[in-house]
Amino acid sequence: MTVLFYGSVTEHTFGEKTFEAGSVRNLSDLSGKLCQHYGDKFKKFMFTDEECFFLVNGKSVNSFGGSEAPLHPDDKVELLPAIEAG
């Protein structure tokens, strides 16, 4: 599974714009994997400093289960800061 980062998110991913997440069950697992990989600064950014939006295959995860939305190996996940998401 490929995760794409946009806008100010890349300031917290060491400038990386993509992350290969491998296999995860849902968005909650993916968030944990991202926080583990990028560390406390990324975690703080995601959960306290700024609201972020996840899109899976171009659709808001809120439309199909939120943080428990099932994810598949061929999914494309995009992480956008609130300002980029509109």
PDB file of N, CA and C in Angstrom:
ATOM      1  N   MET A   1       0.843  -1.177   0.000  1.00  0.00           N
ATOM      2  CA  MET A   1       0.000   0.000   0.000  1.00  0.00           C
ATOM      3  C   MET A   1       0.883   1.233   0.000  1.00  0.00           C
ATOM      4  N   THR A   2       0.528   2.156  -0.853  1.00  0.00           N
ATOM      5  CA  THR A   2       1.280   3.396  -0.969  1.00  0.00           C
ATOM      6  C   THR A   2       0.545   4.525  -0.261  1.00  0.00           C
ATOM      7  N   VAL A   3       1.283   5.273   0.551  1.00  0.00           N
ATOM      8  CA  VAL A   3       0.748   6.453   1.222  1.00  0.00           C
ATOM      9  C   VAL A   3       1.440   7.662   0.602  1.00  0.00           C
ATOM     10  N   LEU A   4       0.648   8.643   0.200  1.00  0.00           N
ATOM     11  CA  LEU A   4       1.171   9.879  -0.385  1.00  0.00           C
ATOM     12  C   LEU A   4       0.946  11.021   0.592  1.00  0.00           C
ATOM     13  N   PHE A   5       1.962  11.855   0.774  1.00  0.00           N
ATOM     14  CA  PHE A   5       1.880  12.997   1.685  1.00  0.00           C
ATOM     15  C   PHE A   5       1.863  14.289   0.881  1.00  0.00           C
ATOM     16  N   TYR A   6       1.045  15.231   1.332  1.00  0.00           N
ATOM     17  CA  TYR A   6       0.915  16.511   0.642  1.00  0.00           C
ATOM     18  C   TYR A   6       1.124  17.675   1.599  1.00  0.00           C
ATOM     19  N   GLY A   7       1.504  18.807   1.024  1.00  0.00           N
ATOM     20  CA  GLY A   7       1.593  20.058   1.780  1.00  0.00           C
ATOM     21  C   GLY A   7       2.502  19.966   2.988  1.00  0.00           C
ATOM     22  N   SER A   8       2.067  20.557   4.076  1.00  0.00           N
ATOM     23  CA  SER A   8       2.886  20.643   5.280  1.00  0.00           C
ATOM     24  C   SER A   8       3.131  19.294   5.945  1.00  0.00           C
ATOM     25  N   VAL A   9       2.421  18.259   5.533  1.00  0.00           N
ATOM     26  CA  VAL A   9       2.662  16.933   6.101  1.00  0.00           C
ATOM     27  C   VAL A   9       4.112  16.522   5.864  1.00  0.00           C
ATOM     28  N   THR A  10       4.669  16.884   4.700  1.00  0.00           N
ATOM     29  CA  THR A  10       6.042  16.468   4.376  1.00  0.00           C
ATOM     30  C   THR A  10       7.085  17.093   5.298  1.00  0.00           C
ATOM     31  N   GLU A  11       6.728  18.152   5.989  1.00  0.00           N
ATOM     32  CA  GLU A  11       7.644  18.738   6.969  1.00  0.00           C
ATOM     33  C   GLU A  11       7.864  17.786   8.146  1.00  0.00           C
ATOM     34  N   HIS A  12       6.967  16.822   8.312  1.00  0.00           N
ATOM     35  CA  HIS A  12       7.019  15.884   9.435  1.00  0.00           C
ATOM     36  C   HIS A  12       7.378  14.479   8.987  1.00  0.00           C
ATOM     37  N   THR A  13       7.671  14.323   7.701  1.00  0.00           N
ATOM     38  CA  THR A  13       8.058  13.024   7.159  1.00  0.00           C
ATOM     39  C   THR A  13       9.479  13.080   6.592  1.00  0.00           C
ATOM     40  N   PHE A  14      10.278  13.990   7.111  1.00  0.00           N
ATOM     41  CA  PHE A  14      11.666  14.152   6.665  1.00  0.00           C
ATOM     42  C   PHE A  14      11.734  14.467   5.172  1.00  0.00           C
ATOM     43  N   GLY A  15      10.697  15.148   4.666  1.00  0.00           N
ATOM     44  CA  GLY A  15      10.652  15.525   3.258  1.00  0.00           C
ATOM     45  C   GLY A  15      10.146  14.431   2.338  1.00  0.00           C
ATOM     46  N   GLU A  16       9.896  13.262   2.873  1.00  0.00           N
ATOM     47  CA  GLU A  16       9.393  12.166   2.048  1.00  0.00           C
ATOM     48  C   GLU A  16       7.964  12.461   1.604  1.00  0.00           C
ATOM     49  N   LYS A  17       7.670  12.115   0.365  1.00  0.00           N
ATOM     50  CA  LYS A  17       6.327  12.327  -0.178  1.00  0.00           C
ATOM     51  C   LYS A  17       5.557  11.032  -0.345  1.00  0.00           C
ATOM     52  N   THR A  18       6.237   9.905  -0.158  1.00  0.00           N
ATOM     53  CA  THR A  18       5.565   8.606  -0.243  1.00  0.00           C
ATOM     54  C   THR A  18       6.100   7.676   0.839  1.00  0.00           C
ATOM     55  N   PHE A  19       5.281   6.698   1.186  1.00  0.00           N
ATOM     56  CA  PHE A  19       5.647   5.675   2.162  1.00  0.00           C
ATOM     57  C   PHE A  19       4.994   4.377   1.729  1.00  0.00           C
ATOM     58  N   GLU A  20       5.781   3.326   1.658  1.00  0.00           N
ATOM     59  CA  GLU A  20       5.233   2.010   1.343  1.00  0.00           C
ATOM     60  C   GLU A  20       4.886   1.330   2.654  1.00  0.00           C
ATOM     61  N   ALA A  21       3.590   1.188   2.926  1.00  0.00           N
ATOM     62  CA  ALA A  21       3.125   0.715   4.227  1.00  0.00           C
ATOM     63  C   ALA A  21       3.050  -0.799   4.339  1.00  0.00           C
ATOM     64  N   GLY A  22       3.142  -1.500   3.226  1.00  0.00           N
ATOM     65  CA  GLY A  22       2.979  -2.943   3.306  1.00  0.00           C
ATOM     66  C   GLY A  22       1.531  -3.275   3.606  1.00  0.00           C
ATOM     67  N   SER A  23       1.322  -4.278   4.402  1.00  0.00           N
ATOM     68  CA  SER A  23      -0.036  -4.734   4.700  1.00  0.00           C
ATOM     69  C   SER A  23      -0.496  -4.215   6.065  1.00  0.00           C
ATOM     70  N   VAL A  24      -1.645  -3.578   6.077  1.00  0.00           N
ATOM     71  CA  VAL A  24      -2.295  -3.141   7.315  1.00  0.00           C
ATOM     72  C   VAL A  24      -3.781  -3.444   7.200  1.00  0.00           C
ATOM     73  N   ARG A  25      -4.445  -3.623   8.333  1.00  0.00           N
ATOM     74  CA  ARG A  25      -5.864  -3.981   8.318  1.00  0.00           C
ATOM     75  C   ARG A  25      -6.789  -2.800   8.061  1.00  0.00           C
ATOM     76  N   ASN A  26      -6.452  -1.659   8.694  1.00  0.00           N
ATOM     77  CA  ASN A  26      -7.361  -0.516   8.616  1.00  0.00           C
ATOM     78  C   ASN A  26      -6.576   0.782   8.830  1.00  0.00           C
ATOM     79  N   LEU A  27      -7.284   1.880   8.778  1.00  0.00           N
ATOM     80  CA  LEU A  27      -6.652   3.192   8.908  1.00  0.00           C
ATOM     81  C   LEU A  27      -6.017   3.387  10.274  1.00  0.00           C
ATOM     82  N   SER A  28      -6.616   2.841  11.289  1.00  0.00           N
ATOM     83  CA  SER A  28      -6.050   2.937  12.629  1.00  0.00           C
ATOM     84  C   SER A  28      -4.674   2.263  12.675  1.00  0.00           C
ATOM     85  N   ASP A  29      -4.561   1.074  12.084  1.00  0.00           N
ATOM     86  CA  ASP A  29      -3.269   0.384  12.020  1.00  0.00           C
ATOM     87  C   ASP A  29      -2.259   1.178  11.199  1.00  0.00           C
ATOM     88  N   LEU A  30      -2.718   1.747  10.094  1.00  0.00           N
ATOM     89  CA  LEU A  30      -1.825   2.539   9.250  1.00  0.00           C
ATOM     90  C   LEU A  30      -1.311   3.755  10.018  1.00  0.00           C
ATOM     91  N   SER A  31      -2.183   4.438  10.741  1.00  0.00           N
ATOM     92  CA  SER A  31      -1.767   5.602  11.533  1.00  0.00           C
ATOM     93  C   SER A  31      -0.687   5.213  12.533  1.00  0.00           C
ATOM     94  N   GLY A  32      -0.869   4.080  13.185  1.00  0.00           N
ATOM     95  CA  GLY A  32       0.121   3.590  14.134  1.00  0.00           C
ATOM     96  C   GLY A  32       1.456   3.305  13.472  1.00  0.00           C
ATOM     97  N   LYS A  33       1.401   2.708  12.290  1.00  0.00           N
ATOM     98  CA  LYS A  33       2.629   2.390  11.553  1.00  0.00           C
ATOM     99  C   LYS A  33       3.361   3.671  11.132  1.00  0.00           C
ATOM    100  N   LEU A  34       2.600   4.668  10.693  1.00  0.00           N
ATOM    101  CA  LEU A  34       3.198   5.947  10.304  1.00  0.00           C
ATOM    102  C   LEU A  34       3.839   6.642  11.508  1.00  0.00           C
ATOM    103  N   CYS A  35       3.147   6.642  12.631  1.00  0.00           N
ATOM    104  CA  CYS A  35       3.685   7.276  13.841  1.00  0.00           C
ATOM    105  C   CYS A  35       4.941   6.555  14.323  1.00  0.00           C
ATOM    106  N   GLN A  36       4.953   5.248  14.223  1.00  0.00           N
ATOM    107  CA  GLN A  36       6.130   4.479  14.618  1.00  0.00           C
ATOM    108  C   GLN A  36       7.308   4.802  13.699  1.00  0.00           C
ATOM    109  N   HIS A  37       7.056   4.903  12.414  1.00  0.00           N
ATOM    110  CA  HIS A  37       8.116   5.158  11.443  1.00  0.00           C
ATOM    111  C   HIS A  37       8.657   6.584  11.538  1.00  0.00           C
ATOM    112  N   TYR A  38       7.760   7.576  11.644  1.00  0.00           N
ATOM    113  CA  TYR A  38       8.179   8.979  11.603  1.00  0.00           C
ATOM    114  C   TYR A  38       8.383   9.606  12.981  1.00  0.00           C
ATOM    115  N   GLY A  39       7.970   8.954  14.032  1.00  0.00           N
ATOM    116  CA  GLY A  39       8.284   9.412  15.380  1.00  0.00           C
ATOM    117  C   GLY A  39       7.286  10.368  16.013  1.00  0.00           C
ATOM    118  N   ASP A  40       7.694  10.866  17.170  1.00  0.00           N
ATOM    119  CA  ASP A  40       6.823  11.687  18.013  1.00  0.00           C
ATOM    120  C   ASP A  40       6.409  13.003  17.361  1.00  0.00           C
ATOM    121  N   LYS A  41       7.303  13.615  16.604  1.00  0.00           N
ATOM    122  CA  LYS A  41       6.963  14.884  15.949  1.00  0.00           C
ATOM    123  C   LYS A  41       5.802  14.686  14.970  1.00  0.00           C
ATOM    124  N   PHE A  42       5.846  13.606  14.229  1.00  0.00           N
ATOM    125  CA  PHE A  42       4.768  13.291  13.284  1.00  0.00           C
ATOM    126  C   PHE A  42       3.470  13.000  14.043  1.00  0.00           C
ATOM    127  N   LYS A  43       3.569  12.218  15.096  1.00  0.00           N
ATOM    128  CA  LYS A  43       2.389  11.862  15.896  1.00  0.00           C
ATOM    129  C   LYS A  43       1.728  13.109  16.472  1.00  0.00           C
ATOM    130  N   LYS A  44       2.549  14.000  17.029  1.00  0.00           N
ATOM    131  CA  LYS A  44       2.015  15.238  17.596  1.00  0.00           C
ATOM    132  C   LYS A  44       1.324  16.069  16.515  1.00  0.00           C
ATOM    133  N   PHE A  45       1.962  16.153  15.350  1.00  0.00           N
ATOM    134  CA  PHE A  45       1.378  16.892  14.228  1.00  0.00           C
ATOM    135  C   PHE A  45       0.028  16.300  13.842  1.00  0.00           C
ATOM    136  N   MET A  46      -0.036  15.002  13.686  1.00  0.00           N
ATOM    137  CA  MET A  46      -1.265  14.351  13.233  1.00  0.00           C
ATOM    138  C   MET A  46      -2.414  14.457  14.226  1.00  0.00           C
ATOM    139  N   PHE A  47      -2.095  14.319  15.498  1.00  0.00           N
ATOM    140  CA  PHE A  47      -3.170  14.176  16.480  1.00  0.00           C
ATOM    141  C   PHE A  47      -3.415  15.388  17.362  1.00  0.00           C
ATOM    142  N   THR A  48      -2.508  16.371  17.375  1.00  0.00           N
ATOM    143  CA  THR A  48      -2.764  17.519  18.244  1.00  0.00           C
ATOM    144  C   THR A  48      -2.569  18.866  17.561  1.00  0.00           C
ATOM    145  N   ASP A  49      -1.588  18.974  16.679  1.00  0.00           N
ATOM    146  CA  ASP A  49      -1.286  20.284  16.096  1.00  0.00           C
ATOM    147  C   ASP A  49      -2.234  20.683  14.982  1.00  0.00           C
ATOM    148  N   GLU A  50      -2.622  19.741  14.185  1.00  0.00           N
ATOM    149  CA  GLU A  50      -3.387  20.073  12.996  1.00  0.00           C
ATOM    150  C   GLU A  50      -4.255  18.888  12.605  1.00  0.00           C
ATOM    151  N   GLU A  51      -5.464  19.180  12.187  1.00  0.00           N
ATOM    152  CA  GLU A  51      -6.322  18.106  11.718  1.00  0.00           C
ATOM    153  C   GLU A  51      -5.852  17.665  10.335  1.00  0.00           C
ATOM    154  N   CYS A  52      -5.769  16.366  10.154  1.00  0.00           N
ATOM    155  CA  CYS A  52      -5.361  15.808   8.869  1.00  0.00           C
ATOM    156  C   CYS A  52      -6.506  14.981   8.296  1.00  0.00           C
ATOM    157  N   PHE A  53      -6.504  14.877   6.986  1.00  0.00           N
ATOM    158  CA  PHE A  53      -7.529  14.110   6.298  1.00  0.00           C
ATOM    159  C   PHE A  53      -6.905  12.969   5.522  1.00  0.00           C
ATOM    160  N   PHE A  54      -7.535  11.815   5.619  1.00  0.00           N
ATOM    161  CA  PHE A  54      -7.115  10.663   4.846  1.00  0.00           C
ATOM    162  C   PHE A  54      -8.103  10.438   3.713  1.00  0.00           C
ATOM    163  N   LEU A  55      -7.565  10.212   2.542  1.00  0.00           N
ATOM    164  CA  LEU A  55      -8.363   9.776   1.400  1.00  0.00           C
ATOM    165  C   LEU A  55      -7.849   8.401   1.007  1.00  0.00           C
ATOM    166  N   VAL A  56      -8.758   7.494   0.687  1.00  0.00           N
ATOM    167  CA  VAL A  56      -8.376   6.175   0.198  1.00  0.00           C
ATOM    168  C   VAL A  56      -8.954   6.032  -1.188  1.00  0.00           C
ATOM    169  N   ASN A  57      -8.074   5.860  -2.142  1.00  0.00           N
ATOM    170  CA  ASN A  57      -8.470   5.768  -3.544  1.00  0.00           C
ATOM    171  C   ASN A  57      -9.338   6.957  -3.954  1.00  0.00           C
ATOM    172  N   GLY A  58      -8.959   8.141  -3.431  1.00  0.00           N
ATOM    173  CA  GLY A  58      -9.627   9.380  -3.787  1.00  0.00           C
ATOM    174  C   GLY A  58     -10.909   9.676  -3.036  1.00  0.00           C
ATOM    175  N   LYS A  59     -11.291   8.828  -2.079  1.00  0.00           N
ATOM    176  CA  LYS A  59     -12.536   9.029  -1.328  1.00  0.00           C
ATOM    177  C   LYS A  59     -12.242   9.201   0.154  1.00  0.00           C
ATOM    178  N   SER A  60     -13.030  10.064   0.787  1.00  0.00           N
ATOM    179  CA  SER A  60     -12.896  10.284   2.222  1.00  0.00           C
ATOM    180  C   SER A  60     -13.181   8.994   2.983  1.00  0.00           C
ATOM    181  N   VAL A  61     -12.333   8.671   3.955  1.00  0.00           N
ATOM    182  CA  VAL A  61     -12.552   7.461   4.741  1.00  0.00           C
ATOM    183  C   VAL A  61     -13.827   7.552   5.570  1.00  0.00           C
ATOM    184  N   ASN A  62     -14.313   8.759   5.809  1.00  0.00           N
ATOM    185  CA  ASN A  62     -15.552   8.907   6.570  1.00  0.00           C
ATOM    186  C   ASN A  62     -16.743   8.298   5.845  1.00  0.00           C
ATOM    187  N   SER A  63     -16.634   8.144   4.537  1.00  0.00           N
ATOM    188  CA  SER A  63     -17.749   7.586   3.766  1.00  0.00           C
ATOM    189  C   SER A  63     -17.786   6.060   3.812  1.00  0.00           C
ATOM    190  N   PHE A  64     -16.734   5.427   4.365  1.00  0.00           N
ATOM    191  CA  PHE A  64     -16.767   3.963   4.434  1.00  0.00           C
ATOM    192  C   PHE A  64     -16.088   3.375   5.667  1.00  0.00           C
ATOM    193  N   GLY A  65     -16.317   3.991   6.813  1.00  0.00           N
ATOM    194  CA  GLY A  65     -15.886   3.368   8.055  1.00  0.00           C
ATOM    195  C   GLY A  65     -14.897   4.120   8.917  1.00  0.00           C
ATOM    196  N   GLY A  66     -14.449   5.284   8.497  1.00  0.00           N
ATOM    197  CA  GLY A  66     -13.527   6.065   9.321  1.00  0.00           C
ATOM    198  C   GLY A  66     -12.251   5.319   9.645  1.00  0.00           C
ATOM    199  N   SER A  67     -11.791   5.417  10.887  1.00  0.00           N
ATOM    200  CA  SER A  67     -10.511   4.816  11.260  1.00  0.00           C
ATOM    201  C   SER A  67     -10.518   3.291  11.197  1.00  0.00           C
ATOM    202  N   GLU A  68     -11.693   2.704  11.193  1.00  0.00           N
ATOM    203  CA  GLU A  68     -11.789   1.243  11.087  1.00  0.00           C
ATOM    204  C   GLU A  68     -12.065   0.782   9.653  1.00  0.00           C
ATOM    205  N   ALA A  69     -11.995   1.719   8.711  1.00  0.00           N
ATOM    206  CA  ALA A  69     -12.199   1.373   7.299  1.00  0.00           C
ATOM    207  C   ALA A  69     -11.158   0.341   6.878  1.00  0.00           C
ATOM    208  N   PRO A  70     -11.587  -0.774   6.297  1.00  0.00           N
ATOM    209  CA  PRO A  70     -10.619  -1.787   5.863  1.00  0.00           C
ATOM    210  C   PRO A  70      -9.753  -1.260   4.720  1.00  0.00           C
ATOM    211  N   LEU A  71      -8.489  -1.623   4.761  1.00  0.00           N
ATOM    212  CA  LEU A  71      -7.552  -1.233   3.712  1.00  0.00           C
ATOM    213  C   LEU A  71      -7.014  -2.481   3.033  1.00  0.00           C
ATOM    214  N   HIS A  72      -6.630  -2.325   1.776  1.00  0.00           N
ATOM    215  CA  HIS A  72      -6.139  -3.436   0.973  1.00  0.00           C
ATOM    216  C   HIS A  72      -4.761  -3.097   0.409  1.00  0.00           C
ATOM    217  N   PRO A  73      -3.949  -4.104   0.107  1.00  0.00           N
ATOM    218  CA  PRO A  73      -2.584  -3.862  -0.356  1.00  0.00           C
ATOM    219  C   PRO A  73      -2.470  -2.965  -1.585  1.00  0.00           C
ATOM    220  N   ASP A  74      -3.477  -2.945  -2.436  1.00  0.00           N
ATOM    221  CA  ASP A  74      -3.393  -2.136  -3.656  1.00  0.00           C
ATOM    222  C   ASP A  74      -4.023  -0.747  -3.501  1.00  0.00           C
ATOM    223  N   ASP A  75      -4.441  -0.382  -2.283  1.00  0.00           N
ATOM    224  CA  ASP A  75      -5.037   0.936  -2.059  1.00  0.00           C
ATOM    225  C   ASP A  75      -3.984   2.039  -2.134  1.00  0.00           C
ATOM    226  N   LYS A  76      -4.430   3.214  -2.550  1.00  0.00           N
ATOM    227  CA  LYS A  76      -3.610   4.422  -2.512  1.00  0.00           C
ATOM    228  C   LYS A  76      -4.216   5.321  -1.435  1.00  0.00           C
ATOM    229  N   VAL A  77      -3.421   5.621  -0.424  1.00  0.00           N
ATOM    230  CA  VAL A  77      -3.866   6.451   0.697  1.00  0.00           C
ATOM    231  C   VAL A  77      -3.168   7.796   0.600  1.00  0.00           C
ATOM    232  N   GLU A  78      -3.943   8.866   0.722  1.00  0.00           N
ATOM    233  CA  GLU A  78      -3.387  10.214   0.682  1.00  0.00           C
ATOM    234  C   GLU A  78      -3.626  10.879   2.033  1.00  0.00           C
ATOM    235  N   LEU A  79      -2.611  11.546   2.534  1.00  0.00           N
ATOM    236  CA  LEU A  79      -2.701  12.255   3.801  1.00  0.00           C
ATOM    237  C   LEU A  79      -2.489  13.737   3.528  1.00  0.00           C
ATOM    238  N   LEU A  80      -3.529  14.522   3.832  1.00  0.00           N
ATOM    239  CA  LEU A  80      -3.505  15.959   3.558  1.00  0.00           C
ATOM    240  C   LEU A  80      -3.769  16.730   4.842  1.00  0.00           C
ATOM    241  N   PRO A  81      -3.076  17.847   5.029  1.00  0.00           N
ATOM    242  CA  PRO A  81      -3.432  18.705   6.173  1.00  0.00           C
ATOM    243  C   PRO A  81      -4.753  19.397   5.860  1.00  0.00           C
ATOM    244  N   ALA A  82      -5.456  19.812   6.884  1.00  0.00           N
ATOM    245  CA  ALA A  82      -6.779  20.411   6.722  1.00  0.00           C
ATOM    246  C   ALA A  82      -6.777  21.552   5.709  1.00  0.00           C
ATOM    247  N   ILE A  83      -5.763  22.371   5.712  1.00  0.00           N
ATOM    248  CA  ILE A  83      -5.721  23.518   4.820  1.00  0.00           C
ATOM    249  C   ILE A  83      -5.676  23.077   3.354  1.00  0.00           C
ATOM    250  N   GLU A  84      -5.017  21.949   3.069  1.00  0.00           N
ATOM    251  CA  GLU A  84      -4.907  21.427   1.694  1.00  0.00           C
ATOM    252  C   GLU A  84      -6.214  20.761   1.276  1.00  0.00           C
ATOM    253  N   ALA A  85      -6.926  20.181   2.254  1.00  0.00           N
ATOM    254  CA  ALA A  85      -8.128  19.440   1.936  1.00  0.00           C
ATOM    255  C   ALA A  85      -9.302  20.361   1.635  1.00  0.00           C
ATOM    256  N   GLY A  86      -9.197  21.599   2.068  1.00  0.00           N
ATOM    257  CA  GLY A  86     -10.243  22.570   1.784  1.00  0.00           C
ATOM    258  C   GLY A  86     -11.228  22.613   2.866  1.00  0.00           C
TER     259      GLY A  86
END
